[in-house]
Amino acid sequence: MYRLSEAPGLSSFKNVLFVASPQDGYAPFYSARVEVHAKSLKDPKYGSVHLSMVNNLMRPLQEANVNVVRYEVHFNVEGTGLDGTIKRAAHIMLLESLAFIRHFVSMNRDYFE
């Protein structure tokens, strides 16, 4: 993952959206939003690695004047069985829900043009 953070690419875009759900048990909220977590500032073992990854991803975007927007989304994941129990439901909804994607794009149509 660290090597991926060093790879070029995101700065080629005009707009970058980071979409995260605090209900997602697979991708940590701060990680999906590419933000520094308070624990990273205190973690002597991995904190500097996390800080460096965030910097590797964000610095090129800032230098290229890329418009970065972070979205926080919430889903109705009650009663979703095993997916809800293992906190996978919101993660899957972010990736596979055609209704969510259509709604998200329609609400942000100006951003995508």
PDB file of N, CA and C in Angstrom:
ATOM      1  N   MET A   1       0.821  -1.185   0.000  1.00  0.00           N
ATOM      2  CA  MET A   1       0.000   0.000   0.000  1.00  0.00           C
ATOM      3  C   MET A   1       0.870   1.256   0.000  1.00  0.00           C
ATOM      4  N   TYR A   2       1.968   1.181   0.717  1.00  0.00           N
ATOM      5  CA  TYR A   2       2.848   2.353   0.763  1.00  0.00           C
ATOM      6  C   TYR A   2       3.384   2.685  -0.632  1.00  0.00           C
ATOM      7  N   ARG A   3       3.833   1.655  -1.354  1.00  0.00           N
ATOM      8  CA  ARG A   3       4.355   1.889  -2.704  1.00  0.00           C
ATOM      9  C   ARG A   3       3.280   2.463  -3.624  1.00  0.00           C
ATOM     10  N   LEU A   4       2.040   2.015  -3.449  1.00  0.00           N
ATOM     11  CA  LEU A   4       0.938   2.578  -4.238  1.00  0.00           C
ATOM     12  C   LEU A   4       0.750   4.064  -3.931  1.00  0.00           C
ATOM     13  N   SER A   5       0.954   4.446  -2.679  1.00  0.00           N
ATOM     14  CA  SER A   5       0.791   5.860  -2.317  1.00  0.00           C
ATOM     15  C   SER A   5       1.841   6.732  -2.988  1.00  0.00           C
ATOM     16  N   GLU A   6       2.953   6.132  -3.385  1.00  0.00           N
ATOM     17  CA  GLU A   6       4.017   6.878  -4.051  1.00  0.00           C
ATOM     18  C   GLU A   6       3.818   6.980  -5.559  1.00  0.00           C
ATOM     19  N   ALA A   7       2.909   6.178  -6.100  1.00  0.00           N
ATOM     20  CA  ALA A   7       2.694   6.140  -7.549  1.00  0.00           C
ATOM     21  C   ALA A   7       1.953   7.385  -8.027  1.00  0.00           C
ATOM     22  N   PRO A   8       2.315   7.879  -9.200  1.00  0.00           N
ATOM     23  CA  PRO A   8       1.602   9.039  -9.745  1.00  0.00           C
ATOM     24  C   PRO A   8       0.223   8.629 -10.254  1.00  0.00           C
ATOM     25  N   GLY A   9      -0.620   9.603 -10.472  1.00  0.00           N
ATOM     26  CA  GLY A   9      -1.901   9.270 -11.073  1.00  0.00           C
ATOM     27  C   GLY A   9      -3.036  10.194 -10.714  1.00  0.00           C
ATOM     28  N   LEU A  10      -3.303  10.365  -9.432  1.00  0.00           N
ATOM     29  CA  LEU A  10      -4.458  11.172  -9.038  1.00  0.00           C
ATOM     30  C   LEU A  10      -4.326  12.621  -9.470  1.00  0.00           C
ATOM     31  N   SER A  11      -3.110  13.106  -9.564  1.00  0.00           N
ATOM     32  CA  SER A  11      -2.923  14.514  -9.933  1.00  0.00           C
ATOM     33  C   SER A  11      -3.241  14.766 -11.404  1.00  0.00           C
ATOM     34  N   SER A  12      -3.510  13.707 -12.163  1.00  0.00           N
ATOM     35  CA  SER A  12      -3.903  13.857 -13.563  1.00  0.00           C
ATOM     36  C   SER A  12      -5.358  14.281 -13.704  1.00  0.00           C
ATOM     37  N   PHE A  13      -6.113  14.190 -12.622  1.00  0.00           N
ATOM     38  CA  PHE A  13      -7.525  14.524 -12.649  1.00  0.00           C
ATOM     39  C   PHE A  13      -7.761  15.972 -12.241  1.00  0.00           C
ATOM     40  N   LYS A  14      -8.857  16.519 -12.710  1.00  0.00           N
ATOM     41  CA  LYS A  14      -9.267  17.874 -12.338  1.00  0.00           C
ATOM     42  C   LYS A  14      -9.970  17.849 -10.979  1.00  0.00           C
ATOM     43  N   ASN A  15     -10.742  16.809 -10.732  1.00  0.00           N
ATOM     44  CA  ASN A  15     -11.514  16.640  -9.496  1.00  0.00           C
ATOM     45  C   ASN A  15     -11.276  15.255  -8.930  1.00  0.00           C
ATOM     46  N   VAL A  16     -11.134  15.163  -7.626  1.00  0.00           N
ATOM     47  CA  VAL A  16     -10.999  13.880  -6.937  1.00  0.00           C
ATOM     48  C   VAL A  16     -11.995  13.856  -5.793  1.00  0.00           C
ATOM     49  N   LEU A  17     -12.787  12.788  -5.744  1.00  0.00           N
ATOM     50  CA  LEU A  17     -13.764  12.610  -4.669  1.00  0.00           C
ATOM     51  C   LEU A  17     -13.325  11.450  -3.793  1.00  0.00           C
ATOM     52  N   PHE A  18     -13.321  11.676  -2.493  1.00  0.00           N
ATOM     53  CA  PHE A  18     -13.089  10.600  -1.543  1.00  0.00           C
ATOM     54  C   PHE A  18     -14.416  10.367  -0.834  1.00  0.00           C
ATOM     55  N   VAL A  19     -14.937   9.158  -0.945  1.00  0.00           N
ATOM     56  CA  VAL A  19     -16.240   8.827  -0.368  1.00  0.00           C
ATOM     57  C   VAL A  19     -16.022   7.783   0.710  1.00  0.00           C
ATOM     58  N   ALA A  20     -16.526   8.077   1.918  1.00  0.00           N
ATOM     59  CA  ALA A  20     -16.305   7.175   3.043  1.00  0.00           C
ATOM     60  C   ALA A  20     -17.553   7.091   3.907  1.00  0.00           C
ATOM     61  N   SER A  21     -17.688   5.958   4.566  1.00  0.00           N
ATOM     62  CA  SER A  21     -18.782   5.768   5.511  1.00  0.00           C
ATOM     63  C   SER A  21     -18.207   5.337   6.856  1.00  0.00           C
ATOM     64  N   PRO A  22     -18.616   6.000   7.927  1.00  0.00           N
ATOM     65  CA  PRO A  22     -18.155   5.565   9.247  1.00  0.00           C
ATOM     66  C   PRO A  22     -18.699   4.193   9.619  1.00  0.00           C
ATOM     67  N   GLN A  23     -19.689   3.709   8.867  1.00  0.00           N
ATOM     68  CA  GLN A  23     -20.267   2.384   9.114  1.00  0.00           C
ATOM     69  C   GLN A  23     -19.443   1.275   8.461  1.00  0.00           C
ATOM     70  N   ASP A  24     -18.493   1.643   7.611  1.00  0.00           N
ATOM     71  CA  ASP A  24     -17.668   0.682   6.890  1.00  0.00           C
ATOM     72  C   ASP A  24     -16.653   0.076   7.849  1.00  0.00           C
ATOM     73  N   GLY A  25     -16.753  -1.204   8.073  1.00  0.00           N
ATOM     74  CA  GLY A  25     -15.840  -1.896   8.966  1.00  0.00           C
ATOM     75  C   GLY A  25     -14.617  -2.449   8.265  1.00  0.00           C
ATOM     76  N   TYR A  26     -14.535  -2.293   6.955  1.00  0.00           N
ATOM     77  CA  TYR A  26     -13.404  -2.825   6.194  1.00  0.00           C
ATOM     78  C   TYR A  26     -12.368  -1.753   5.876  1.00  0.00           C
ATOM     79  N   ALA A  27     -12.826  -0.606   5.385  1.00  0.00           N
ATOM     80  CA  ALA A  27     -11.918   0.499   5.080  1.00  0.00           C
ATOM     81  C   ALA A  27     -12.112   1.567   6.150  1.00  0.00           C
ATOM     82  N   PRO A  28     -11.120   1.799   6.992  1.00  0.00           N
ATOM     83  CA  PRO A  28     -11.282   2.809   8.043  1.00  0.00           C
ATOM     84  C   PRO A  28     -11.690   4.160   7.455  1.00  0.00           C
ATOM     85  N   PHE A  29     -12.578   4.835   8.142  1.00  0.00           N
ATOM     86  CA  PHE A  29     -13.135   6.103   7.690  1.00  0.00           C
ATOM     87  C   PHE A  29     -12.043   7.099   7.313  1.00  0.00           C
ATOM     88  N   TYR A  30     -11.072   7.316   8.192  1.00  0.00           N
ATOM     89  CA  TYR A  30      -9.999   8.278   7.937  1.00  0.00           C
ATOM     90  C   TYR A  30      -9.139   7.851   6.748  1.00  0.00           C
ATOM     91  N   SER A  31      -8.996   6.549   6.559  1.00  0.00           N
ATOM     92  CA  SER A  31      -8.190   6.043   5.458  1.00  0.00           C
ATOM     93  C   SER A  31      -8.879   6.275   4.117  1.00  0.00           C
ATOM     94  N   ALA A  32     -10.180   5.988   4.055  1.00  0.00           N
ATOM     95  CA  ALA A  32     -10.936   6.192   2.814  1.00  0.00           C
ATOM     96  C   ALA A  32     -10.992   7.673   2.440  1.00  0.00           C
ATOM     97  N   ARG A  33     -10.933   8.533   3.428  1.00  0.00           N
ATOM     98  CA  ARG A  33     -10.956   9.983   3.174  1.00  0.00           C
ATOM     99  C   ARG A  33      -9.551  10.560   2.986  1.00  0.00           C
ATOM    100  N   VAL A  34      -8.541   9.721   3.109  1.00  0.00           N
ATOM    101  CA  VAL A  34      -7.134  10.113   3.013  1.00  0.00           C
ATOM    102  C   VAL A  34      -6.874  11.282   3.962  1.00  0.00           C
ATOM    103  N   GLU A  35      -7.093  11.002   5.235  1.00  0.00           N
ATOM    104  CA  GLU A  35      -6.888  11.995   6.289  1.00  0.00           C
ATOM    105  C   GLU A  35      -6.004  11.413   7.386  1.00  0.00           C
ATOM    106  N   VAL A  36      -5.360  12.281   8.106  1.00  0.00           N
ATOM    107  CA  VAL A  36      -4.531  11.868   9.232  1.00  0.00           C
ATOM    108  C   VAL A  36      -5.441  11.567  10.422  1.00  0.00           C
ATOM    109  N   HIS A  37      -5.207  10.436  11.049  1.00  0.00           N
ATOM    110  CA  HIS A  37      -5.956  10.048  12.237  1.00  0.00           C
ATOM    111  C   HIS A  37      -5.152  10.466  13.475  1.00  0.00           C
ATOM    112  N   ALA A  38      -5.853  10.894  14.498  1.00  0.00           N
ATOM    113  CA  ALA A  38      -5.180  11.348  15.729  1.00  0.00           C
ATOM    114  C   ALA A  38      -4.256  10.277  16.304  1.00  0.00           C
ATOM    115  N   LYS A  39      -4.638   9.009  16.176  1.00  0.00           N
ATOM    116  CA  LYS A  39      -3.796   7.927  16.702  1.00  0.00           C
ATOM    117  C   LYS A  39      -2.460   7.846  15.969  1.00  0.00           C
ATOM    118  N   SER A  40      -2.459   8.233  14.700  1.00  0.00           N
ATOM    119  CA  SER A  40      -1.210   8.186  13.927  1.00  0.00           C
ATOM    120  C   SER A  40      -0.170   9.143  14.492  1.00  0.00           C
ATOM    121  N   LEU A  41      -0.637  10.243  15.029  1.00  0.00           N
ATOM    122  CA  LEU A  41       0.283  11.223  15.587  1.00  0.00           C
ATOM    123  C   LEU A  41       0.985  10.698  16.836  1.00  0.00           C
ATOM    124  N   LYS A  42       0.375   9.697  17.474  1.00  0.00           N
ATOM    125  CA  LYS A  42       0.931   9.153  18.720  1.00  0.00           C
ATOM    126  C   LYS A  42       1.543   7.771  18.559  1.00  0.00           C
ATOM    127  N   ASP A  43       1.372   7.150  17.405  1.00  0.00           N
ATOM    128  CA  ASP A  43       1.835   5.779  17.195  1.00  0.00           C
ATOM    129  C   ASP A  43       3.317   5.771  16.798  1.00  0.00           C
ATOM    130  N   PRO A  44       4.196   5.308  17.695  1.00  0.00           N
ATOM    131  CA  PRO A  44       5.632   5.343  17.401  1.00  0.00           C
ATOM    132  C   PRO A  44       6.057   4.329  16.337  1.00  0.00           C
ATOM    133  N   LYS A  45       5.254   3.287  16.128  1.00  0.00           N
ATOM    134  CA  LYS A  45       5.646   2.238  15.190  1.00  0.00           C
ATOM    135  C   LYS A  45       5.155   2.522  13.764  1.00  0.00           C
ATOM    136  N   TYR A  46       3.858   2.828  13.598  1.00  0.00           N
ATOM    137  CA  TYR A  46       3.289   2.990  12.265  1.00  0.00           C
ATOM    138  C   TYR A  46       2.802   4.406  11.953  1.00  0.00           C
ATOM    139  N   GLY A  47       2.820   5.262  12.922  1.00  0.00           N
ATOM    140  CA  GLY A  47       2.313   6.615  12.725  1.00  0.00           C
ATOM    141  C   GLY A  47       3.003   7.363  11.606  1.00  0.00           C
ATOM    142  N   SER A  48       4.324   7.290  11.569  1.00  0.00           N
ATOM    143  CA  SER A  48       5.056   8.022  10.526  1.00  0.00           C
ATOM    144  C   SER A  48       4.769   7.447   9.139  1.00  0.00           C
ATOM    145  N   VAL A  49       4.503   6.149   9.078  1.00  0.00           N
ATOM    146  CA  VAL A  49       4.171   5.518   7.791  1.00  0.00           C
ATOM    147  C   VAL A  49       2.835   6.044   7.298  1.00  0.00           C
ATOM    148  N   HIS A  50       1.855   6.104   8.188  1.00  0.00           N
ATOM    149  CA  HIS A  50       0.532   6.613   7.813  1.00  0.00           C
ATOM    150  C   HIS A  50       0.619   8.072   7.383  1.00  0.00           C
ATOM    151  N   LEU A  51       1.306   8.874   8.152  1.00  0.00           N
ATOM    152  CA  LEU A  51       1.466  10.289   7.810  1.00  0.00           C
ATOM    153  C   LEU A  51       2.135  10.460   6.442  1.00  0.00           C
ATOM    154  N   SER A  52       3.124   9.640   6.186  1.00  0.00           N
ATOM    155  CA  SER A  52       3.831   9.707   4.908  1.00  0.00           C
ATOM    156  C   SER A  52       2.910   9.304   3.753  1.00  0.00           C
ATOM    157  N   MET A  53       2.087   8.292   3.943  1.00  0.00           N
ATOM    158  CA  MET A  53       1.157   7.865   2.890  1.00  0.00           C
ATOM    159  C   MET A  53       0.145   8.968   2.572  1.00  0.00           C
ATOM    160  N   VAL A  54      -0.388   9.602   3.602  1.00  0.00           N
ATOM    161  CA  VAL A  54      -1.333  10.709   3.379  1.00  0.00           C
ATOM    162  C   VAL A  54      -0.627  11.821   2.615  1.00  0.00           C
ATOM    163  N   ASN A  55       0.576  12.141   3.014  1.00  0.00           N
ATOM    164  CA  ASN A  55       1.345  13.182   2.333  1.00  0.00           C
ATOM    165  C   ASN A  55       1.649  12.799   0.877  1.00  0.00           C
ATOM    166  N   ASN A  56       2.012  11.538   0.657  1.00  0.00           N
ATOM    167  CA  ASN A  56       2.309  11.063  -0.697  1.00  0.00           C
ATOM    168  C   ASN A  56       1.102  11.220  -1.615  1.00  0.00           C
ATOM    169  N   LEU A  57      -0.078  11.001  -1.081  1.00  0.00           N
ATOM    170  CA  LEU A  57      -1.299  11.097  -1.892  1.00  0.00           C
ATOM    171  C   LEU A  57      -1.768  12.534  -2.072  1.00  0.00           C
ATOM    172  N   MET A  58      -1.686  13.322  -1.017  1.00  0.00           N
ATOM    173  CA  MET A  58      -2.268  14.666  -1.052  1.00  0.00           C
ATOM    174  C   MET A  58      -1.342  15.736  -1.644  1.00  0.00           C
ATOM    175  N   ARG A  59      -0.062  15.629  -1.411  1.00  0.00           N
ATOM    176  CA  ARG A  59       0.872  16.662  -1.900  1.00  0.00           C
ATOM    177  C   ARG A  59       0.759  16.872  -3.411  1.00  0.00           C
ATOM    178  N   PRO A  60       0.791  15.811  -4.243  1.00  0.00           N
ATOM    179  CA  PRO A  60       0.667  16.041  -5.688  1.00  0.00           C
ATOM    180  C   PRO A  60      -0.670  16.687  -6.082  1.00  0.00           C
ATOM    181  N   LEU A  61      -1.727  16.374  -5.346  1.00  0.00           N
ATOM    182  CA  LEU A  61      -3.029  16.974  -5.645  1.00  0.00           C
ATOM    183  C   LEU A  61      -3.012  18.468  -5.363  1.00  0.00           C
ATOM    184  N   GLN A  62      -2.407  18.840  -4.251  1.00  0.00           N
ATOM    185  CA  GLN A  62      -2.305  20.258  -3.900  1.00  0.00           C
ATOM    186  C   GLN A  62      -1.416  21.004  -4.893  1.00  0.00           C
ATOM    187  N   GLU A  63      -0.309  20.393  -5.272  1.00  0.00           N
ATOM    188  CA  GLU A  63       0.614  21.031  -6.204  1.00  0.00           C
ATOM    189  C   GLU A  63      -0.011  21.219  -7.584  1.00  0.00           C
ATOM    190  N   ALA A  64      -0.894  20.292  -7.981  1.00  0.00           N
ATOM    191  CA  ALA A  64      -1.538  20.361  -9.295  1.00  0.00           C
ATOM    192  C   ALA A  64      -2.867  21.116  -9.247  1.00  0.00           C
ATOM    193  N   ASN A  65      -3.193  21.686  -8.096  1.00  0.00           N
ATOM    194  CA  ASN A  65      -4.457  22.411  -7.927  1.00  0.00           C
ATOM    195  C   ASN A  65      -5.685  21.566  -8.239  1.00  0.00           C
ATOM    196  N   VAL A  66      -5.654  20.310  -7.865  1.00  0.00           N
ATOM    197  CA  VAL A  66      -6.786  19.410  -8.058  1.00  0.00           C
ATOM    198  C   VAL A  66      -7.843  19.737  -7.014  1.00  0.00           C
ATOM    199  N   ASN A  67      -9.081  19.783  -7.431  1.00  0.00           N
ATOM    200  CA  ASN A  67     -10.195  20.020  -6.521  1.00  0.00           C
ATOM    201  C   ASN A  67     -10.506  18.714  -5.784  1.00  0.00           C
ATOM    202  N   VAL A  68     -10.307  18.687  -4.479  1.00  0.00           N
ATOM    203  CA  VAL A  68     -10.537  17.496  -3.662  1.00  0.00           C
ATOM    204  C   VAL A  68     -11.776  17.719  -2.797  1.00  0.00           C
ATOM    205  N   VAL A  69     -12.688  16.756  -2.855  1.00  0.00           N
ATOM    206  CA  VAL A  69     -13.904  16.809  -2.045  1.00  0.00           C
ATOM    207  C   VAL A  69     -14.026  15.483  -1.302  1.00  0.00           C
ATOM    208  N   ARG A  70     -14.358  15.579  -0.024  1.00  0.00           N
ATOM    209  CA  ARG A  70     -14.564  14.388   0.804  1.00  0.00           C
ATOM    210  C   ARG A  70     -16.040  14.301   1.174  1.00  0.00           C
ATOM    211  N   TYR A  71     -16.619  13.126   0.935  1.00  0.00           N
ATOM    212  CA  TYR A  71     -18.020  12.883   1.265  1.00  0.00           C
ATOM    213  C   TYR A  71     -18.120  11.839   2.370  1.00  0.00           C
ATOM    214  N   GLU A  72     -19.033  12.096   3.281  1.00  0.00           N
ATOM    215  CA  GLU A  72     -19.367  11.131   4.333  1.00  0.00           C
ATOM    216  C   GLU A  72     -20.774  10.637   4.050  1.00  0.00           C
ATOM    217  N   VAL A  73     -20.919   9.329   3.869  1.00  0.00           N
ATOM    218  CA  VAL A  73     -22.232   8.768   3.558  1.00  0.00           C
ATOM    219  C   VAL A  73     -22.664   7.796   4.649  1.00  0.00           C
ATOM    220  N   HIS A  74     -23.971   7.728   4.846  1.00  0.00           N
ATOM    221  CA  HIS A  74     -24.571   6.819   5.829  1.00  0.00           C
ATOM    222  C   HIS A  74     -25.627   5.981   5.138  1.00  0.00           C
ATOM    223  N   PHE A  75     -25.688   4.725   5.490  1.00  0.00           N
ATOM    224  CA  PHE A  75     -26.646   3.807   4.902  1.00  0.00           C
ATOM    225  C   PHE A  75     -27.538   3.224   5.991  1.00  0.00           C
ATOM    226  N   ASN A  76     -28.724   2.782   5.602  1.00  0.00           N
ATOM    227  CA  ASN A  76     -29.594   2.049   6.504  1.00  0.00           C
ATOM    228  C   ASN A  76     -29.149   0.594   6.437  1.00  0.00           C
ATOM    229  N   VAL A  77     -28.291   0.197   7.354  1.00  0.00           N
ATOM    230  CA  VAL A  77     -27.734  -1.155   7.325  1.00  0.00           C
ATOM    231  C   VAL A  77     -28.294  -2.043   8.431  1.00  0.00           C
ATOM    232  N   GLU A  78     -29.333  -1.582   9.088  1.00  0.00           N
ATOM    233  CA  GLU A  78     -29.960  -2.406  10.113  1.00  0.00           C
ATOM    234  C   GLU A  78     -30.623  -3.606   9.464  1.00  0.00           C
ATOM    235  N   GLY A  79     -30.530  -4.743  10.117  1.00  0.00           N
ATOM    236  CA  GLY A  79     -31.181  -5.941   9.616  1.00  0.00           C
ATOM    237  C   GLY A  79     -30.554  -6.493   8.354  1.00  0.00           C
ATOM    238  N   THR A  80     -29.275  -6.264   8.147  1.00  0.00           N
ATOM    239  CA  THR A  80     -28.620  -6.758   6.942  1.00  0.00           C
ATOM    240  C   THR A  80     -27.916  -8.086   7.177  1.00  0.00           C
ATOM    241  N   GLY A  81     -28.262  -8.783   8.256  1.00  0.00           N
ATOM    242  CA  GLY A  81     -27.713 -10.110   8.513  1.00  0.00           C
ATOM    243  C   GLY A  81     -26.228 -10.113   8.781  1.00  0.00           C
ATOM    244  N   LEU A  82     -25.567 -11.117   8.230  1.00  0.00           N
ATOM    245  CA  LEU A  82     -24.138 -11.301   8.468  1.00  0.00           C
ATOM    246  C   LEU A  82     -23.325 -10.091   8.000  1.00  0.00           C
ATOM    247  N   ASP A  83     -23.682  -9.519   6.856  1.00  0.00           N
ATOM    248  CA  ASP A  83     -22.952  -8.339   6.362  1.00  0.00           C
ATOM    249  C   ASP A  83     -22.989  -7.197   7.365  1.00  0.00           C
ATOM    250  N   GLY A  84     -24.127  -7.013   8.015  1.00  0.00           N
ATOM    251  CA  GLY A  84     -24.233  -5.966   9.023  1.00  0.00           C
ATOM    252  C   GLY A  84     -23.429  -6.296  10.264  1.00  0.00           C
ATOM    253  N   THR A  85     -23.451  -7.563  10.641  1.00  0.00           N
ATOM    254  CA  THR A  85     -22.730  -8.004  11.835  1.00  0.00           C
ATOM    255  C   THR A  85     -21.223  -7.839  11.686  1.00  0.00           C
ATOM    256  N   ILE A  86     -20.699  -8.173  10.532  1.00  0.00           N
ATOM    257  CA  ILE A  86     -19.243  -8.071  10.336  1.00  0.00           C
ATOM    258  C   ILE A  86     -18.837  -6.723   9.735  1.00  0.00           C
ATOM    259  N   LYS A  87     -19.800  -5.805   9.687  1.00  0.00           N
ATOM    260  CA  LYS A  87     -19.567  -4.427   9.234  1.00  0.00           C
ATOM    261  C   LYS A  87     -19.088  -4.355   7.787  1.00  0.00           C
ATOM    262  N   ARG A  88     -19.598  -5.254   6.986  1.00  0.00           N
ATOM    263  CA  ARG A  88     -19.264  -5.272   5.569  1.00  0.00           C
ATOM    264  C   ARG A  88     -20.347  -4.598   4.732  1.00  0.00           C
ATOM    265  N   ALA A  89     -21.548  -4.465   5.262  1.00  0.00           N
ATOM    266  CA  ALA A  89     -22.690  -3.974   4.488  1.00  0.00           C
ATOM    267  C   ALA A  89     -22.433  -2.592   3.881  1.00  0.00           C
ATOM    268  N   ALA A  90     -21.965  -1.640   4.680  1.00  0.00           N
ATOM    269  CA  ALA A  90     -21.729  -0.291   4.166  1.00  0.00           C
ATOM    270  C   ALA A  90     -20.609  -0.289   3.130  1.00  0.00           C
ATOM    271  N   HIS A  91     -19.600  -1.109   3.334  1.00  0.00           N
ATOM    272  CA  HIS A  91     -18.494  -1.197   2.383  1.00  0.00           C
ATOM    273  C   HIS A  91     -19.010  -1.658   1.022  1.00  0.00           C
ATOM    274  N   ILE A  92     -19.827  -2.680   1.022  1.00  0.00           N
ATOM    275  CA  ILE A  92     -20.389  -3.219  -0.216  1.00  0.00           C
ATOM    276  C   ILE A  92     -21.327  -2.209  -0.861  1.00  0.00           C
ATOM    277  N   MET A  93     -22.133  -1.517  -0.051  1.00  0.00           N
ATOM    278  CA  MET A  93     -23.058  -0.521  -0.598  1.00  0.00           C
ATOM    279  C   MET A  93     -22.306   0.600  -1.308  1.00  0.00           C
ATOM    280  N   LEU A  94     -21.168   0.994  -0.764  1.00  0.00           N
ATOM    281  CA  LEU A  94     -20.362   2.027  -1.422  1.00  0.00           C
ATOM    282  C   LEU A  94     -19.869   1.561  -2.783  1.00  0.00           C
ATOM    283  N   LEU A  95     -19.583   0.287  -2.911  1.00  0.00           N
ATOM    284  CA  LEU A  95     -18.986  -0.234  -4.132  1.00  0.00           C
ATOM    285  C   LEU A  95     -19.988  -0.751  -5.156  1.00  0.00           C
ATOM    286  N   GLU A  96     -21.095  -1.328  -4.678  1.00  0.00           N
ATOM    287  CA  GLU A  96     -21.965  -2.057  -5.593  1.00  0.00           C
ATOM    288  C   GLU A  96     -23.390  -1.551  -5.717  1.00  0.00           C
ATOM    289  N   SER A  97     -23.775  -0.589  -4.946  1.00  0.00           N
ATOM    290  CA  SER A  97     -25.167  -0.143  -4.999  1.00  0.00           C
ATOM    291  C   SER A  97     -25.378   0.794  -6.181  1.00  0.00           C
ATOM    292  N   LEU A  98     -26.023   0.279  -7.211  1.00  0.00           N
ATOM    293  CA  LEU A  98     -26.300   1.088  -8.389  1.00  0.00           C
ATOM    294  C   LEU A  98     -27.191   2.274  -8.031  1.00  0.00           C
ATOM    295  N   ALA A  99     -28.133   2.066  -7.123  1.00  0.00           N
ATOM    296  CA  ALA A  99     -29.015   3.158  -6.688  1.00  0.00           C
ATOM    297  C   ALA A  99     -28.197   4.261  -6.013  1.00  0.00           C
ATOM    298  N   PHE A 100     -27.260   3.877  -5.155  1.00  0.00           N
ATOM    299  CA  PHE A 100     -26.405   4.870  -4.499  1.00  0.00           C
ATOM    300  C   PHE A 100     -25.570   5.628  -5.522  1.00  0.00           C
ATOM    301  N   ILE A 101     -24.950   4.907  -6.433  1.00  0.00           N
ATOM    302  CA  ILE A 101     -24.084   5.541  -7.428  1.00  0.00           C
ATOM    303  C   ILE A 101     -24.883   6.501  -8.306  1.00  0.00           C
ATOM    304  N   ARG A 102     -26.061   6.076  -8.759  1.00  0.00           N
ATOM    305  CA  ARG A 102     -26.902   6.955  -9.577  1.00  0.00           C
ATOM    306  C   ARG A 102     -27.292   8.218  -8.806  1.00  0.00           C
ATOM    307  N   HIS A 103     -27.696   8.032  -7.565  1.00  0.00           N
ATOM    308  CA  HIS A 103     -28.087   9.178  -6.743  1.00  0.00           C
ATOM    309  C   HIS A 103     -26.894  10.103  -6.509  1.00  0.00           C
ATOM    310  N   PHE A 104     -25.766   9.526  -6.183  1.00  0.00           N
ATOM    311  CA  PHE A 104     -24.565  10.302  -5.916  1.00  0.00           C
ATOM    312  C   PHE A 104     -24.175  11.135  -7.132  1.00  0.00           C
ATOM    313  N   VAL A 105     -24.176  10.508  -8.299  1.00  0.00           N
ATOM    314  CA  VAL A 105     -23.804  11.214  -9.526  1.00  0.00           C
ATOM    315  C   VAL A 105     -24.837  12.285  -9.863  1.00  0.00           C
ATOM    316  N   SER A 106     -26.119  11.981  -9.705  1.00  0.00           N
ATOM    317  CA  SER A 106     -27.143  12.979 -10.030  1.00  0.00           C
ATOM    318  C   SER A 106     -27.064  14.180  -9.090  1.00  0.00           C
ATOM    319  N   MET A 107     -26.722  13.958  -7.830  1.00  0.00           N
ATOM    320  CA  MET A 107     -26.613  15.046  -6.860  1.00  0.00           C
ATOM    321  C   MET A 107     -25.365  15.908  -7.116  1.00  0.00           C
ATOM    322  N   ASN A 108     -24.417  15.348  -7.819  1.00  0.00           N
ATOM    323  CA  ASN A 108     -23.136  16.028  -8.069  1.00  0.00           C
ATOM    324  C   ASN A 108     -22.871  16.202  -9.557  1.00  0.00           C
ATOM    325  N   ARG A 109     -23.923  16.284 -10.337  1.00  0.00           N
ATOM    326  CA  ARG A 109     -23.800  16.353 -11.799  1.00  0.00           C
ATOM    327  C   ARG A 109     -22.854  17.463 -12.264  1.00  0.00           C
ATOM    328  N   ASP A 110     -22.952  18.649 -11.677  1.00  0.00           N
ATOM    329  CA  ASP A 110     -22.092  19.767 -12.068  1.00  0.00           C
ATOM    330  C   ASP A 110     -20.620  19.444 -11.833  1.00  0.00           C
ATOM    331  N   TYR A 111     -20.361  18.677 -10.805  1.00  0.00           N
ATOM    332  CA  TYR A 111     -18.993  18.332 -10.445  1.00  0.00           C
ATOM    333  C   TYR A 111     -18.370  17.417 -11.487  1.00  0.00           C
ATOM    334  N   PHE A 112     -19.197  16.539 -12.088  1.00  0.00           N
ATOM    335  CA  PHE A 112     -18.674  15.548 -13.032  1.00  0.00           C
ATOM    336  C   PHE A 112     -18.577  16.059 -14.463  1.00  0.00           C
ATOM    337  N   GLU A 113     -19.077  17.253 -14.719  1.00  0.00           N
ATOM    338  CA  GLU A 113     -19.035  17.778 -16.099  1.00  0.00           C
ATOM    339  C   GLU A 113     -17.744  18.514 -16.353  1.00  0.00           C
TER     340      GLU A 113
END
